[in-house]
């Protein structure tokens, strides 16, 4: 059975790029406002016939938020290498096989590469590293998308909700703020690798 699954499987490689609308949540979020960020990376899909699809990904993702206190603007910015493993459930449209809707969900782990705070007062800005950042985040992603067959290739877009479960702060004060992101992606999937 496993041999048959492997023989019939389609293994495809793809690239993706998109936009993050990120914020923080938790006991100490202090009414932070969302900010825009970037996400980009690659993925591999593993599918057997028309069953579920397993899709591991590696992305570079920027997440940030801002708050204004009196005349001072504070911006928190965190960059991650993010590794989700998604289980995707495609749907076939009887009247149009070239359009492929899909729902997906799965866990992720993320490694922090940069954490900075920017303070802006009267148009003057100063940026500093945040030393007390948690080096790893983890959580889950869920969403949906639609792909369009282009012969051997596929062009598509998806929208996903990412919820981090680890506080980004590891200082002695232990502020409880976690990542929360709405992500819009455009992706391109190449031909079957087998």
C-alpha atoms as a PDB file:
ATOM      1  CA  UNK A   1       0.000   0.000   0.000  1.00  0.00           C
ATOM      2  CA  UNK A   2       2.817   2.428   0.867  1.00  0.00           C
ATOM      3  CA  UNK A   3       4.620   1.463  -2.334  1.00  0.00           C
ATOM      4  CA  UNK A   4       1.485   2.180  -4.377  1.00  0.00           C
ATOM      5  CA  UNK A   5       1.083   5.554  -2.625  1.00  0.00           C
ATOM      6  CA  UNK A   6       4.677   6.470  -3.475  1.00  0.00           C
ATOM      7  CA  UNK A   7       4.373   5.376  -7.117  1.00  0.00           C
ATOM      8  CA  UNK A   8       1.219   7.419  -7.726  1.00  0.00           C
ATOM      9  CA  UNK A   9       2.345  10.463  -5.772  1.00  0.00           C
ATOM     10  CA  UNK A  10       2.941  13.845  -7.332  1.00  0.00           C
ATOM     11  CA  UNK A  11       5.839  15.801  -5.858  1.00  0.00           C
ATOM     12  CA  UNK A  12       5.947  19.448  -6.862  1.00  0.00           C
ATOM     13  CA  UNK A  13       8.104  22.441  -5.955  1.00  0.00           C
ATOM     14  CA  UNK A  14       6.784  25.981  -5.662  1.00  0.00           C
ATOM     15  CA  UNK A  15       7.628  29.561  -4.771  1.00  0.00           C
ATOM     16  CA  UNK A  16       5.440  31.994  -2.848  1.00  0.00           C
ATOM     17  CA  UNK A  17       5.446  35.638  -1.853  1.00  0.00           C
ATOM     18  CA  UNK A  18       2.951  37.735  -0.005  1.00  0.00           C
ATOM     19  CA  UNK A  19       1.865  40.312   2.507  1.00  0.00           C
ATOM     20  CA  UNK A  20       1.574  40.027   6.284  1.00  0.00           C
ATOM     21  CA  UNK A  21      -0.941  42.047   8.282  1.00  0.00           C
ATOM     22  CA  UNK A  22       0.488  41.409  11.727  1.00  0.00           C
ATOM     23  CA  UNK A  23      -0.248  42.306  15.305  1.00  0.00           C
ATOM     24  CA  UNK A  24       0.246  40.937  18.803  1.00  0.00           C
ATOM     25  CA  UNK A  25      -2.216  39.565  21.305  1.00  0.00           C
ATOM     26  CA  UNK A  26      -1.977  38.613  24.969  1.00  0.00           C
ATOM     27  CA  UNK A  27      -2.342  40.038  28.441  1.00  0.00           C
ATOM     28  CA  UNK A  28       0.139  42.861  27.723  1.00  0.00           C
ATOM     29  CA  UNK A  29      -0.674  43.793  24.113  1.00  0.00           C
ATOM     30  CA  UNK A  30      -1.538  47.400  25.158  1.00  0.00           C
ATOM     31  CA  UNK A  31      -3.823  48.033  22.166  1.00  0.00           C
ATOM     32  CA  UNK A  32      -1.055  47.689  19.594  1.00  0.00           C
ATOM     33  CA  UNK A  33      -2.001  48.527  16.000  1.00  0.00           C
ATOM     34  CA  UNK A  34      -1.357  46.228  13.029  1.00  0.00           C
ATOM     35  CA  UNK A  35       1.457  46.812  10.542  1.00  0.00           C
ATOM     36  CA  UNK A  36       2.223  45.453   7.098  1.00  0.00           C
ATOM     37  CA  UNK A  37       5.110  43.081   6.482  1.00  0.00           C
ATOM     38  CA  UNK A  38       6.548  40.721   3.893  1.00  0.00           C
ATOM     39  CA  UNK A  39       6.640  36.937   3.564  1.00  0.00           C
ATOM     40  CA  UNK A  40       8.423  34.920   0.887  1.00  0.00           C
ATOM     41  CA  UNK A  41       9.761  31.417   0.476  1.00  0.00           C
ATOM     42  CA  UNK A  42       9.340  28.012  -1.117  1.00  0.00           C
ATOM     43  CA  UNK A  43       7.355  24.832  -0.566  1.00  0.00           C
ATOM     44  CA  UNK A  44       7.095  21.198  -1.664  1.00  0.00           C
ATOM     45  CA  UNK A  45       3.754  19.473  -2.189  1.00  0.00           C
ATOM     46  CA  UNK A  46       3.264  15.720  -1.927  1.00  0.00           C
ATOM     47  CA  UNK A  47      -0.057  14.432  -3.255  1.00  0.00           C
ATOM     48  CA  UNK A  48      -1.413  10.970  -4.017  1.00  0.00           C
ATOM     49  CA  UNK A  49      -4.058  11.106  -6.752  1.00  0.00           C
ATOM     50  CA  UNK A  50      -6.868  13.404  -5.482  1.00  0.00           C
ATOM     51  CA  UNK A  51      -6.392  12.757  -1.769  1.00  0.00           C
ATOM     52  CA  UNK A  52      -4.995  15.190   0.767  1.00  0.00           C
ATOM     53  CA  UNK A  53      -1.795  17.116   0.074  1.00  0.00           C
ATOM     54  CA  UNK A  54       1.128  17.368   2.504  1.00  0.00           C
ATOM     55  CA  UNK A  55       2.934  20.693   2.076  1.00  0.00           C
ATOM     56  CA  UNK A  56       6.038  21.630   4.096  1.00  0.00           C
ATOM     57  CA  UNK A  57       7.209  25.211   3.600  1.00  0.00           C
ATOM     58  CA  UNK A  58      10.163  27.447   4.481  1.00  0.00           C
ATOM     59  CA  UNK A  59       9.526  31.203   4.510  1.00  0.00           C
ATOM     60  CA  UNK A  60      11.103  34.442   5.661  1.00  0.00           C
ATOM     61  CA  UNK A  61       8.402  36.405   7.475  1.00  0.00           C
ATOM     62  CA  UNK A  62       8.381  39.899   8.988  1.00  0.00           C
ATOM     63  CA  UNK A  63       5.928  40.612  11.801  1.00  0.00           C
ATOM     64  CA  UNK A  64       5.434  43.927  13.573  1.00  0.00           C
ATOM     65  CA  UNK A  65       3.041  46.203  15.402  1.00  0.00           C
ATOM     66  CA  UNK A  66       2.962  49.806  16.552  1.00  0.00           C
ATOM     67  CA  UNK A  67       1.536  51.885  19.359  1.00  0.00           C
ATOM     68  CA  UNK A  68       1.412  55.638  20.036  1.00  0.00           C
ATOM     69  CA  UNK A  69       1.752  56.937  23.576  1.00  0.00           C
ATOM     70  CA  UNK A  70       1.193  60.690  23.694  1.00  0.00           C
ATOM     71  CA  UNK A  71       3.532  62.050  20.983  1.00  0.00           C
ATOM     72  CA  UNK A  72       5.838  58.999  20.886  1.00  0.00           C
ATOM     73  CA  UNK A  73       5.458  56.150  18.371  1.00  0.00           C
ATOM     74  CA  UNK A  74       6.826  52.712  19.287  1.00  0.00           C
ATOM     75  CA  UNK A  75       7.221  50.043  16.589  1.00  0.00           C
ATOM     76  CA  UNK A  76       8.113  46.442  17.456  1.00  0.00           C
ATOM     77  CA  UNK A  77       9.491  44.396  14.536  1.00  0.00           C
ATOM     78  CA  UNK A  78      10.364  40.693  14.546  1.00  0.00           C
ATOM     79  CA  UNK A  79      11.754  38.686  11.607  1.00  0.00           C
ATOM     80  CA  UNK A  80      11.461  34.899  11.433  1.00  0.00           C
ATOM     81  CA  UNK A  81      12.390  31.893   9.379  1.00  0.00           C
ATOM     82  CA  UNK A  82       9.055  30.086   9.504  1.00  0.00           C
ATOM     83  CA  UNK A  83       8.496  26.380   8.820  1.00  0.00           C
ATOM     84  CA  UNK A  84       4.842  25.289   8.571  1.00  0.00           C
ATOM     85  CA  UNK A  85       3.727  21.756   7.693  1.00  0.00           C
ATOM     86  CA  UNK A  86       0.279  22.024   6.152  1.00  0.00           C
ATOM     87  CA  UNK A  87      -2.306  19.359   5.459  1.00  0.00           C
ATOM     88  CA  UNK A  88      -4.314  20.521   2.439  1.00  0.00           C
ATOM     89  CA  UNK A  89      -7.707  19.270   1.301  1.00  0.00           C
ATOM     90  CA  UNK A  90      -8.409  20.058  -2.393  1.00  0.00           C
ATOM     91  CA  UNK A  91     -11.888  20.149  -3.886  1.00  0.00           C
ATOM     92  CA  UNK A  92     -12.730  19.208  -7.455  1.00  0.00           C
ATOM     93  CA  UNK A  93     -15.173  21.370  -9.364  1.00  0.00           C
ATOM     94  CA  UNK A  94     -17.204  19.121 -11.659  1.00  0.00           C
ATOM     95  CA  UNK A  95     -17.774  21.842 -14.252  1.00  0.00           C
ATOM     96  CA  UNK A  96     -14.220  23.280 -14.238  1.00  0.00           C
ATOM     97  CA  UNK A  97     -11.173  21.073 -13.612  1.00  0.00           C
ATOM     98  CA  UNK A  98      -8.749  23.957 -14.188  1.00  0.00           C
ATOM     99  CA  UNK A  99      -9.756  25.688 -10.924  1.00  0.00           C
ATOM    100  CA  UNK A 100      -8.615  24.008  -7.701  1.00  0.00           C
ATOM    101  CA  UNK A 101     -10.045  25.320  -4.393  1.00  0.00           C
ATOM    102  CA  UNK A 102      -8.355  24.072  -1.232  1.00  0.00           C
ATOM    103  CA  UNK A 103      -8.605  24.286   2.561  1.00  0.00           C
ATOM    104  CA  UNK A 104      -5.582  23.707   4.788  1.00  0.00           C
ATOM    105  CA  UNK A 105      -4.317  23.689   8.366  1.00  0.00           C
ATOM    106  CA  UNK A 106      -1.196  22.691  10.219  1.00  0.00           C
ATOM    107  CA  UNK A 107       1.436  23.528  12.830  1.00  0.00           C
ATOM    108  CA  UNK A 108       4.459  25.766  12.379  1.00  0.00           C
ATOM    109  CA  UNK A 109       7.721  26.526  14.127  1.00  0.00           C
ATOM    110  CA  UNK A 110       9.598  29.803  13.606  1.00  0.00           C
ATOM    111  CA  UNK A 111      13.165  30.867  14.407  1.00  0.00           C
ATOM    112  CA  UNK A 112      13.720  34.521  15.256  1.00  0.00           C
ATOM    113  CA  UNK A 113      16.448  36.205  13.169  1.00  0.00           C
ATOM    114  CA  UNK A 114      15.955  39.850  14.173  1.00  0.00           C
ATOM    115  CA  UNK A 115      14.052  41.847  16.770  1.00  0.00           C
ATOM    116  CA  UNK A 116      14.081  45.654  16.867  1.00  0.00           C
ATOM    117  CA  UNK A 117      12.190  48.503  18.470  1.00  0.00           C
ATOM    118  CA  UNK A 118      11.926  51.888  16.751  1.00  0.00           C
ATOM    119  CA  UNK A 119      11.042  54.985  18.769  1.00  0.00           C
ATOM    120  CA  UNK A 120       9.872  58.055  16.839  1.00  0.00           C
ATOM    121  CA  UNK A 121       9.446  61.480  18.462  1.00  0.00           C
ATOM    122  CA  UNK A 122       8.635  64.614  16.424  1.00  0.00           C
ATOM    123  CA  UNK A 123       9.843  62.966  13.211  1.00  0.00           C
ATOM    124  CA  UNK A 124      13.149  61.808  14.722  1.00  0.00           C
ATOM    125  CA  UNK A 125      13.641  58.022  14.943  1.00  0.00           C
ATOM    126  CA  UNK A 126      16.011  55.784  16.864  1.00  0.00           C
ATOM    127  CA  UNK A 127      16.208  52.022  16.407  1.00  0.00           C
ATOM    128  CA  UNK A 128      17.597  49.467  18.863  1.00  0.00           C
ATOM    129  CA  UNK A 129      17.819  45.699  19.104  1.00  0.00           C
ATOM    130  CA  UNK A 130      15.472  43.940  21.504  1.00  0.00           C
ATOM    131  CA  UNK A 131      17.763  41.717  23.602  1.00  0.00           C
ATOM    132  CA  UNK A 132      15.126  39.776  25.520  1.00  0.00           C
ATOM    133  CA  UNK A 133      13.339  38.076  22.625  1.00  0.00           C
ATOM    134  CA  UNK A 134      12.202  34.465  22.612  1.00  0.00           C
ATOM    135  CA  UNK A 135      14.339  32.663  19.989  1.00  0.00           C
ATOM    136  CA  UNK A 136      11.516  30.375  18.782  1.00  0.00           C
ATOM    137  CA  UNK A 137       7.826  30.680  18.104  1.00  0.00           C
ATOM    138  CA  UNK A 138       5.329  27.938  17.390  1.00  0.00           C
ATOM    139  CA  UNK A 139       1.626  27.702  16.736  1.00  0.00           C
ATOM    140  CA  UNK A 140      -0.724  26.854  13.907  1.00  0.00           C
ATOM    141  CA  UNK A 141      -1.919  28.136  10.549  1.00  0.00           C
ATOM    142  CA  UNK A 142      -5.239  27.654   8.791  1.00  0.00           C
ATOM    143  CA  UNK A 143      -6.760  29.049   5.645  1.00  0.00           C
ATOM    144  CA  UNK A 144      -7.907  28.469   2.114  1.00  0.00           C
ATOM    145  CA  UNK A 145      -6.947  29.217  -1.434  1.00  0.00           C
ATOM    146  CA  UNK A 146      -7.536  28.633  -5.093  1.00  0.00           C
ATOM    147  CA  UNK A 147      -5.164  27.404  -7.790  1.00  0.00           C
ATOM    148  CA  UNK A 148      -5.405  27.751 -11.567  1.00  0.00           C
ATOM    149  CA  UNK A 149      -3.954  25.058 -13.824  1.00  0.00           C
ATOM    150  CA  UNK A 150      -1.567  26.368 -16.487  1.00  0.00           C
ATOM    151  CA  UNK A 151      -0.753  23.127 -18.263  1.00  0.00           C
ATOM    152  CA  UNK A 152       1.951  21.459 -16.167  1.00  0.00           C
ATOM    153  CA  UNK A 153       2.114  24.459 -13.836  1.00  0.00           C
ATOM    154  CA  UNK A 154      -0.174  26.080 -11.289  1.00  0.00           C
ATOM    155  CA  UNK A 155      -0.666  29.706 -10.308  1.00  0.00           C
ATOM    156  CA  UNK A 156      -2.692  30.474  -7.221  1.00  0.00           C
ATOM    157  CA  UNK A 157      -3.364  32.564  -4.178  1.00  0.00           C
ATOM    158  CA  UNK A 158      -4.224  31.803  -0.595  1.00  0.00           C
ATOM    159  CA  UNK A 159      -5.182  33.562   2.600  1.00  0.00           C
ATOM    160  CA  UNK A 160      -4.185  32.213   5.985  1.00  0.00           C
ATOM    161  CA  UNK A 161      -4.436  33.011   9.664  1.00  0.00           C
ATOM    162  CA  UNK A 162      -1.310  32.413  11.754  1.00  0.00           C
ATOM    163  CA  UNK A 163      -1.526  32.255  15.538  1.00  0.00           C
ATOM    164  CA  UNK A 164       1.657  32.074  17.603  1.00  0.00           C
ATOM    165  CA  UNK A 165       1.432  30.367  20.978  1.00  0.00           C
ATOM    166  CA  UNK A 166       4.733  31.518  22.529  1.00  0.00           C
ATOM    167  CA  UNK A 167       5.275  34.970  24.000  1.00  0.00           C
ATOM    168  CA  UNK A 168       7.924  36.910  22.061  1.00  0.00           C
ATOM    169  CA  UNK A 169       9.271  38.402  25.303  1.00  0.00           C
ATOM    170  CA  UNK A 170      11.599  36.525  27.656  1.00  0.00           C
ATOM    171  CA  UNK A 171      12.658  39.425  29.880  1.00  0.00           C
ATOM    172  CA  UNK A 172      12.409  39.311  33.674  1.00  0.00           C
ATOM    173  CA  UNK A 173       9.087  41.180  33.356  1.00  0.00           C
ATOM    174  CA  UNK A 174       7.752  38.354  31.137  1.00  0.00           C
ATOM    175  CA  UNK A 175       5.344  40.451  29.083  1.00  0.00           C
ATOM    176  CA  UNK A 176       2.681  38.292  27.462  1.00  0.00           C
ATOM    177  CA  UNK A 177       2.579  39.268  23.771  1.00  0.00           C
ATOM    178  CA  UNK A 178       2.214  36.692  21.001  1.00  0.00           C
ATOM    179  CA  UNK A 179       2.240  36.911  17.205  1.00  0.00           C
ATOM    180  CA  UNK A 180      -0.999  37.006  15.244  1.00  0.00           C
ATOM    181  CA  UNK A 181      -0.964  37.399  11.443  1.00  0.00           C
ATOM    182  CA  UNK A 182      -3.333  37.488   8.492  1.00  0.00           C
ATOM    183  CA  UNK A 183      -1.285  36.499   5.451  1.00  0.00           C
ATOM    184  CA  UNK A 184      -2.055  36.902   1.723  1.00  0.00           C
ATOM    185  CA  UNK A 185       0.098  34.859  -0.684  1.00  0.00           C
ATOM    186  CA  UNK A 186       0.611  34.502  -4.403  1.00  0.00           C
ATOM    187  CA  UNK A 187       2.279  31.220  -5.381  1.00  0.00           C
ATOM    188  CA  UNK A 188       3.618  29.416  -8.447  1.00  0.00           C
ATOM    189  CA  UNK A 189       3.930  25.633  -8.548  1.00  0.00           C
ATOM    190  CA  UNK A 190       6.224  23.928 -11.064  1.00  0.00           C
ATOM    191  CA  UNK A 191       5.663  20.660 -12.934  1.00  0.00           C
ATOM    192  CA  UNK A 192       5.637  17.262 -11.212  1.00  0.00           C
ATOM    193  CA  UNK A 193       9.190  16.354 -10.164  1.00  0.00           C
ATOM    194  CA  UNK A 194       8.754  12.582 -10.777  1.00  0.00           C
END
